[in-house]
Amino acid sequence: MRYGVSTHLAPEKVIEKAVEYFEKLGLEVTQRDEDSVCMEGGGGHVTLSVCGEDKMDVDILTEEWDQKVKEFIQRIGD
């Protein structure tokens, strides 16, 4: 499933919060750079990318982690 949200957080802060949130749930980072992160675990994955200028657009692609992604979106969304 694909999700999207807008935030005023800087890309590096969004990535930091995503890693912190999903690592606590048992996912492991498989790839990370300044504006994206891929995490896997529990039979699924979460891939997050951030782009924009003033307001950041966050695109999240997930399999098996839909409910937790929705909870994460509530934490960072404006």
PDB file of N, CA and C in Angstrom:
ATOM      1  N   MET A   1       0.852  -1.173   0.000  1.00  0.00           N
ATOM      2  CA  MET A   1       0.000   0.000   0.000  1.00  0.00           C
ATOM      3  C   MET A   1       0.897   1.235   0.000  1.00  0.00           C
ATOM      4  N   ARG A   2       0.425   2.281  -0.622  1.00  0.00           N
ATOM      5  CA  ARG A   2       1.174   3.539  -0.678  1.00  0.00           C
ATOM      6  C   ARG A   2       0.406   4.599   0.113  1.00  0.00           C
ATOM      7  N   TYR A   3       1.167   5.358   0.918  1.00  0.00           N
ATOM      8  CA  TYR A   3       0.604   6.434   1.734  1.00  0.00           C
ATOM      9  C   TYR A   3       1.388   7.711   1.482  1.00  0.00           C
ATOM     10  N   GLY A   4       0.760   8.836   1.732  1.00  0.00           N
ATOM     11  CA  GLY A   4       1.422  10.124   1.607  1.00  0.00           C
ATOM     12  C   GLY A   4       0.973  11.060   2.705  1.00  0.00           C
ATOM     13  N   VAL A   5       1.872  11.951   3.091  1.00  0.00           N
ATOM     14  CA  VAL A   5       1.567  12.941   4.115  1.00  0.00           C
ATOM     15  C   VAL A   5       2.474  14.147   3.890  1.00  0.00           C
ATOM     16  N   SER A   6       2.012  15.315   4.299  1.00  0.00           N
ATOM     17  CA  SER A   6       2.827  16.530   4.252  1.00  0.00           C
ATOM     18  C   SER A   6       3.241  16.895   5.669  1.00  0.00           C
ATOM     19  N   THR A   7       4.447  17.455   5.786  1.00  0.00           N
ATOM     20  CA  THR A   7       4.969  17.839   7.093  1.00  0.00           C
ATOM     21  C   THR A   7       5.893  19.041   6.954  1.00  0.00           C
ATOM     22  N   HIS A   8       6.060  19.770   8.034  1.00  0.00           N
ATOM     23  CA  HIS A   8       7.024  20.869   8.056  1.00  0.00           C
ATOM     24  C   HIS A   8       8.383  20.410   8.576  1.00  0.00           C
ATOM     25  N   LEU A   9       8.493  19.142   8.953  1.00  0.00           N
ATOM     26  CA  LEU A   9       9.770  18.615   9.423  1.00  0.00           C
ATOM     27  C   LEU A   9      10.766  18.526   8.275  1.00  0.00           C
ATOM     28  N   ALA A  10      12.034  18.762   8.567  1.00  0.00           N
ATOM     29  CA  ALA A  10      13.089  18.628   7.573  1.00  0.00           C
ATOM     30  C   ALA A  10      13.251  17.152   7.200  1.00  0.00           C
ATOM     31  N   PRO A  11      13.701  16.874   5.979  1.00  0.00           N
ATOM     32  CA  PRO A  11      13.850  15.475   5.550  1.00  0.00           C
ATOM     33  C   PRO A  11      14.656  14.616   6.518  1.00  0.00           C
ATOM     34  N   GLU A  12      15.778  15.132   6.997  1.00  0.00           N
ATOM     35  CA  GLU A  12      16.602  14.332   7.913  1.00  0.00           C
ATOM     36  C   GLU A  12      15.871  14.020   9.221  1.00  0.00           C
ATOM     37  N   LYS A  13      15.008  14.919   9.673  1.00  0.00           N
ATOM     38  CA  LYS A  13      14.234  14.688  10.895  1.00  0.00           C
ATOM     39  C   LYS A  13      13.156  13.626  10.658  1.00  0.00           C
ATOM     40  N   VAL A  14      12.525  13.658   9.483  1.00  0.00           N
ATOM     41  CA  VAL A  14      11.522  12.643   9.142  1.00  0.00           C
ATOM     42  C   VAL A  14      12.183  11.269   9.113  1.00  0.00           C
ATOM     43  N   ILE A  15      13.342  11.168   8.476  1.00  0.00           N
ATOM     44  CA  ILE A  15      14.059   9.896   8.385  1.00  0.00           C
ATOM     45  C   ILE A  15      14.454   9.424   9.779  1.00  0.00           C
ATOM     46  N   GLU A  16      14.972  10.329  10.583  1.00  0.00           N
ATOM     47  CA  GLU A  16      15.372   9.991  11.959  1.00  0.00           C
ATOM     48  C   GLU A  16      14.193   9.452  12.764  1.00  0.00           C
ATOM     49  N   LYS A  17      13.051  10.129  12.683  1.00  0.00           N
ATOM     50  CA  LYS A  17      11.863   9.694  13.420  1.00  0.00           C
ATOM     51  C   LYS A  17      11.349   8.351  12.907  1.00  0.00           C
ATOM     52  N   ALA A  18      11.404   8.138  11.587  1.00  0.00           N
ATOM     53  CA  ALA A  18      10.951   6.870  11.009  1.00  0.00           C
ATOM     54  C   ALA A  18      11.821   5.717  11.485  1.00  0.00           C
ATOM     55  N   VAL A  19      13.122   5.908  11.453  1.00  0.00           N
ATOM     56  CA  VAL A  19      14.033   4.853  11.892  1.00  0.00           C
ATOM     57  C   VAL A  19      13.799   4.543  13.369  1.00  0.00           C
ATOM     58  N   GLU A  20      13.697   5.568  14.183  1.00  0.00           N
ATOM     59  CA  GLU A  20      13.466   5.374  15.614  1.00  0.00           C
ATOM     60  C   GLU A  20      12.153   4.617  15.861  1.00  0.00           C
ATOM     61  N   TYR A  21      11.103   5.027  15.195  1.00  0.00           N
ATOM     62  CA  TYR A  21       9.778   4.422  15.378  1.00  0.00           C
ATOM     63  C   TYR A  21       9.751   2.962  14.928  1.00  0.00           C
ATOM     64  N   PHE A  22      10.230   2.700  13.713  1.00  0.00           N
ATOM     65  CA  PHE A  22      10.110   1.355  13.161  1.00  0.00           C
ATOM     66  C   PHE A  22      11.152   0.385  13.704  1.00  0.00           C
ATOM     67  N   GLU A  23      12.308   0.866  14.110  1.00  0.00           N
ATOM     68  CA  GLU A  23      13.285  -0.031  14.742  1.00  0.00           C
ATOM     69  C   GLU A  23      12.739  -0.583  16.059  1.00  0.00           C
ATOM     70  N   LYS A  24      11.994   0.236  16.786  1.00  0.00           N
ATOM     71  CA  LYS A  24      11.377  -0.239  18.035  1.00  0.00           C
ATOM     72  C   LYS A  24      10.372  -1.361  17.771  1.00  0.00           C
ATOM     73  N   LEU A  25       9.846  -1.412  16.560  1.00  0.00           N
ATOM     74  CA  LEU A  25       8.882  -2.444  16.187  1.00  0.00           C
ATOM     75  C   LEU A  25       9.555  -3.674  15.583  1.00  0.00           C
ATOM     76  N   GLY A  26      10.874  -3.629  15.449  1.00  0.00           N
ATOM     77  CA  GLY A  26      11.615  -4.784  14.968  1.00  0.00           C
ATOM     78  C   GLY A  26      12.084  -4.726  13.526  1.00  0.00           C
ATOM     79  N   LEU A  27      11.839  -3.630  12.829  1.00  0.00           N
ATOM     80  CA  LEU A  27      12.334  -3.513  11.460  1.00  0.00           C
ATOM     81  C   LEU A  27      13.802  -3.125  11.474  1.00  0.00           C
ATOM     82  N   GLU A  28      14.531  -3.543  10.455  1.00  0.00           N
ATOM     83  CA  GLU A  28      15.945  -3.213  10.321  1.00  0.00           C
ATOM     84  C   GLU A  28      16.144  -2.355   9.085  1.00  0.00           C
ATOM     85  N   VAL A  29      16.996  -1.347   9.202  1.00  0.00           N
ATOM     86  CA  VAL A  29      17.305  -0.475   8.075  1.00  0.00           C
ATOM     87  C   VAL A  29      18.156  -1.254   7.077  1.00  0.00           C
ATOM     88  N   THR A  30      17.715  -1.280   5.829  1.00  0.00           N
ATOM     89  CA  THR A  30      18.476  -1.962   4.780  1.00  0.00           C
ATOM     90  C   THR A  30      19.147  -0.978   3.837  1.00  0.00           C
ATOM     91  N   GLN A  31      18.640   0.257   3.800  1.00  0.00           N
ATOM     92  CA  GLN A  31      19.228   1.308   2.980  1.00  0.00           C
ATOM     93  C   GLN A  31      18.796   2.650   3.554  1.00  0.00           C
ATOM     94  N   ARG A  32      19.724   3.603   3.584  1.00  0.00           N
ATOM     95  CA  ARG A  32      19.395   4.924   4.140  1.00  0.00           C
ATOM     96  C   ARG A  32      20.265   5.979   3.492  1.00  0.00           C
ATOM     97  N   ASP A  33      19.638   7.118   3.137  1.00  0.00           N
ATOM     98  CA  ASP A  33      20.388   8.294   2.707  1.00  0.00           C
ATOM     99  C   ASP A  33      19.682   9.527   3.256  1.00  0.00           C
ATOM    100  N   GLU A  34      20.026  10.689   2.774  1.00  0.00           N
ATOM    101  CA  GLU A  34      19.517  11.918   3.394  1.00  0.00           C
ATOM    102  C   GLU A  34      18.024  12.152   3.220  1.00  0.00           C
ATOM    103  N   ASP A  35      17.412  11.553   2.193  1.00  0.00           N
ATOM    104  CA  ASP A  35      15.982  11.794   1.985  1.00  0.00           C
ATOM    105  C   ASP A  35      15.153  10.524   1.786  1.00  0.00           C
ATOM    106  N   SER A  36      15.716   9.363   2.126  1.00  0.00           N
ATOM    107  CA  SER A  36      14.936   8.128   2.036  1.00  0.00           C
ATOM    108  C   SER A  36      15.511   7.051   2.951  1.00  0.00           C
ATOM    109  N   VAL A  37      14.655   6.086   3.271  1.00  0.00           N
ATOM    110  CA  VAL A  37      15.080   4.958   4.095  1.00  0.00           C
ATOM    111  C   VAL A  37      14.220   3.749   3.734  1.00  0.00           C
ATOM    112  N   CYS A  38      14.861   2.587   3.717  1.00  0.00           N
ATOM    113  CA  CYS A  38      14.167   1.324   3.499  1.00  0.00           C
ATOM    114  C   CYS A  38      14.395   0.459   4.726  1.00  0.00           C
ATOM    115  N   MET A  39      13.322  -0.156   5.228  1.00  0.00           N
ATOM    116  CA  MET A  39      13.407  -1.006   6.410  1.00  0.00           C
ATOM    117  C   MET A  39      12.630  -2.282   6.144  1.00  0.00           C
ATOM    118  N   GLU A  40      13.134  -3.401   6.695  1.00  0.00           N
ATOM    119  CA  GLU A  40      12.475  -4.684   6.503  1.00  0.00           C
ATOM    120  C   GLU A  40      12.361  -5.417   7.828  1.00  0.00           C
ATOM    121  N   GLY A  41      11.333  -6.263   7.920  1.00  0.00           N
ATOM    122  CA  GLY A  41      11.155  -7.093   9.098  1.00  0.00           C
ATOM    123  C   GLY A  41       9.725  -7.556   9.222  1.00  0.00           C
ATOM    124  N   GLY A  42       9.523  -8.619   9.985  1.00  0.00           N
ATOM    125  CA  GLY A  42       8.181  -9.117  10.230  1.00  0.00           C
ATOM    126  C   GLY A  42       7.448  -9.553   8.984  1.00  0.00           C
ATOM    127  N   GLY A  43       8.179  -9.979   7.974  1.00  0.00           N
ATOM    128  CA  GLY A  43       7.549 -10.431   6.740  1.00  0.00           C
ATOM    129  C   GLY A  43       7.128  -9.319   5.805  1.00  0.00           C
ATOM    130  N   GLY A  44       7.570  -8.093   6.070  1.00  0.00           N
ATOM    131  CA  GLY A  44       7.192  -6.970   5.224  1.00  0.00           C
ATOM    132  C   GLY A  44       8.275  -5.923   5.151  1.00  0.00           C
ATOM    133  N   HIS A  45       7.898  -4.758   4.684  1.00  0.00           N
ATOM    134  CA  HIS A  45       8.865  -3.668   4.538  1.00  0.00           C
ATOM    135  C   HIS A  45       8.169  -2.315   4.622  1.00  0.00           C
ATOM    136  N   VAL A  46       8.978  -1.280   4.875  1.00  0.00           N
ATOM    137  CA  VAL A  46       8.532   0.108   4.827  1.00  0.00           C
ATOM    138  C   VAL A  46       9.614   0.883   4.078  1.00  0.00           C
ATOM    139  N   THR A  47       9.221   1.578   3.014  1.00  0.00           N
ATOM    140  CA  THR A  47      10.138   2.430   2.266  1.00  0.00           C
ATOM    141  C   THR A  47       9.570   3.840   2.299  1.00  0.00           C
ATOM    142  N   LEU A  48      10.384   4.770   2.750  1.00  0.00           N
ATOM    143  CA  LEU A  48       9.931   6.142   2.963  1.00  0.00           C
ATOM    144  C   LEU A  48      10.849   7.091   2.213  1.00  0.00           C
ATOM    145  N   SER A  49      10.278   8.055   1.492  1.00  0.00           N
ATOM    146  CA  SER A  49      11.076   9.088   0.829  1.00  0.00           C
ATOM    147  C   SER A  49      10.439  10.451   1.087  1.00  0.00           C
ATOM    148  N   VAL A  50      11.307  11.469   1.139  1.00  0.00           N
ATOM    149  CA  VAL A  50      10.880  12.823   1.475  1.00  0.00           C
ATOM    150  C   VAL A  50      11.373  13.778   0.393  1.00  0.00           C
ATOM    151  N   CYS A  51      10.499  14.683  -0.068  1.00  0.00           N
ATOM    152  CA  CYS A  51      10.921  15.713  -1.010  1.00  0.00           C
ATOM    153  C   CYS A  51      10.058  16.952  -0.814  1.00  0.00           C
ATOM    154  N   GLY A  52      10.569  18.072  -1.262  1.00  0.00           N
ATOM    155  CA  GLY A  52       9.816  19.313  -1.158  1.00  0.00           C
ATOM    156  C   GLY A  52      10.701  20.483  -0.800  1.00  0.00           C
ATOM    157  N   GLU A  53      10.078  21.624  -0.602  1.00  0.00           N
ATOM    158  CA  GLU A  53      10.805  22.845  -0.260  1.00  0.00           C
ATOM    159  C   GLU A  53      10.391  23.314   1.130  1.00  0.00           C
ATOM    160  N   ASP A  54       9.316  24.108   1.228  1.00  0.00           N
ATOM    161  CA  ASP A  54       8.852  24.578   2.530  1.00  0.00           C
ATOM    162  C   ASP A  54       8.147  23.460   3.285  1.00  0.00           C
ATOM    163  N   LYS A  55       7.172  22.872   2.643  1.00  0.00           N
ATOM    164  CA  LYS A  55       6.424  21.764   3.228  1.00  0.00           C
ATOM    165  C   LYS A  55       6.885  20.487   2.537  1.00  0.00           C
ATOM    166  N   MET A  56       7.284  19.520   3.316  1.00  0.00           N
ATOM    167  CA  MET A  56       7.814  18.276   2.776  1.00  0.00           C
ATOM    168  C   MET A  56       6.692  17.291   2.458  1.00  0.00           C
ATOM    169  N   ASP A  57       6.808  16.624   1.337  1.00  0.00           N
ATOM    170  CA  ASP A  57       5.905  15.534   0.977  1.00  0.00           C
ATOM    171  C   ASP A  57       6.601  14.230   1.310  1.00  0.00           C
ATOM    172  N   VAL A  58       5.944  13.403   2.106  1.00  0.00           N
ATOM    173  CA  VAL A  58       6.494  12.121   2.513  1.00  0.00           C
ATOM    174  C   VAL A  58       5.699  11.029   1.823  1.00  0.00           C
ATOM    175  N   ASP A  59       6.398  10.177   1.092  1.00  0.00           N
ATOM    176  CA  ASP A  59       5.790   9.066   0.372  1.00  0.00           C
ATOM    177  C   ASP A  59       6.233   7.785   1.068  1.00  0.00           C
ATOM    178  N   ILE A  60       5.261   6.950   1.447  1.00  0.00           N
ATOM    179  CA  ILE A  60       5.578   5.716   2.168  1.00  0.00           C
ATOM    180  C   ILE A  60       4.949   4.545   1.436  1.00  0.00           C
ATOM    181  N   LEU A  61       5.766   3.567   1.108  1.00  0.00           N
ATOM    182  CA  LEU A  61       5.322   2.334   0.481  1.00  0.00           C
ATOM    183  C   LEU A  61       5.541   1.218   1.493  1.00  0.00           C
ATOM    184  N   THR A  62       4.503   0.418   1.754  1.00  0.00           N
ATOM    185  CA  THR A  62       4.618  -0.613   2.783  1.00  0.00           C
ATOM    186  C   THR A  62       3.914  -1.899   2.392  1.00  0.00           C
ATOM    187  N   GLU A  63       4.385  -2.958   2.994  1.00  0.00           N
ATOM    188  CA  GLU A  63       3.729  -4.253   2.899  1.00  0.00           C
ATOM    189  C   GLU A  63       3.749  -4.849   4.303  1.00  0.00           C
ATOM    190  N   GLU A  64       2.574  -5.211   4.819  1.00  0.00           N
ATOM    191  CA  GLU A  64       2.408  -5.823   6.143  1.00  0.00           C
ATOM    192  C   GLU A  64       2.508  -4.843   7.325  1.00  0.00           C
ATOM    193  N   TRP A  65       2.740  -3.558   7.097  1.00  0.00           N
ATOM    194  CA  TRP A  65       2.910  -2.600   8.187  1.00  0.00           C
ATOM    195  C   TRP A  65       1.940  -1.432   8.079  1.00  0.00           C
ATOM    196  N   ASP A  66       0.803  -1.633   7.429  1.00  0.00           N
ATOM    197  CA  ASP A  66      -0.135  -0.537   7.166  1.00  0.00           C
ATOM    198  C   ASP A  66      -0.592   0.185   8.433  1.00  0.00           C
ATOM    199  N   GLN A  67      -1.000  -0.546   9.447  1.00  0.00           N
ATOM    200  CA  GLN A  67      -1.510   0.099  10.662  1.00  0.00           C
ATOM    201  C   GLN A  67      -0.431   0.945  11.341  1.00  0.00           C
ATOM    202  N   LYS A  68       0.776   0.424  11.414  1.00  0.00           N
ATOM    203  CA  LYS A  68       1.870   1.160  12.061  1.00  0.00           C
ATOM    204  C   LYS A  68       2.294   2.365  11.216  1.00  0.00           C
ATOM    205  N   VAL A  69       2.205   2.242   9.898  1.00  0.00           N
ATOM    206  CA  VAL A  69       2.496   3.385   9.030  1.00  0.00           C
ATOM    207  C   VAL A  69       1.451   4.482   9.259  1.00  0.00           C
ATOM    208  N   LYS A  70       0.190   4.107   9.384  1.00  0.00           N
ATOM    209  CA  LYS A  70      -0.862   5.097   9.662  1.00  0.00           C
ATOM    210  C   LYS A  70      -0.606   5.807  10.985  1.00  0.00           C
ATOM    211  N   GLU A  71      -0.161   5.074  11.986  1.00  0.00           N
ATOM    212  CA  GLU A  71       0.168   5.682  13.290  1.00  0.00           C
ATOM    213  C   GLU A  71       1.362   6.624  13.164  1.00  0.00           C
ATOM    214  N   PHE A  72       2.357   6.237  12.383  1.00  0.00           N
ATOM    215  CA  PHE A  72       3.530   7.090  12.169  1.00  0.00           C
ATOM    216  C   PHE A  72       3.130   8.383  11.459  1.00  0.00           C
ATOM    217  N   ILE A  73       2.269   8.266  10.464  1.00  0.00           N
ATOM    218  CA  ILE A  73       1.800   9.448   9.719  1.00  0.00           C
ATOM    219  C   ILE A  73       1.140  10.453  10.668  1.00  0.00           C
ATOM    220  N   GLN A  74       0.368   9.965  11.621  1.00  0.00           N
ATOM    221  CA  GLN A  74      -0.272  10.858  12.583  1.00  0.00           C
ATOM    222  C   GLN A  74       0.768  11.599  13.424  1.00  0.00           C
ATOM    223  N   ARG A  75       1.901  10.988  13.663  1.00  0.00           N
ATOM    224  CA  ARG A  75       2.951  11.622  14.473  1.00  0.00           C
ATOM    225  C   ARG A  75       3.662  12.748  13.743  1.00  0.00           C
ATOM    226  N   ILE A  76       3.806  12.628  12.416  1.00  0.00           N
ATOM    227  CA  ILE A  76       4.592  13.626  11.686  1.00  0.00           C
ATOM    228  C   ILE A  76       3.760  14.570  10.842  1.00  0.00           C
ATOM    229  N   GLY A  77       2.510  14.250  10.570  1.00  0.00           N
ATOM    230  CA  GLY A  77       1.669  15.061   9.685  1.00  0.00           C
ATOM    231  C   GLY A  77       1.301  16.409  10.269  1.00  0.00           C
ATOM    232  N   ASP A  78       1.076  17.358   9.370  1.00  0.00           N
ATOM    233  CA  ASP A  78       0.638  18.703   9.777  1.00  0.00           C
ATOM    234  C   ASP A  78      -0.862  18.823   9.663  1.00  0.00           C
TER     235      ASP A  78
END
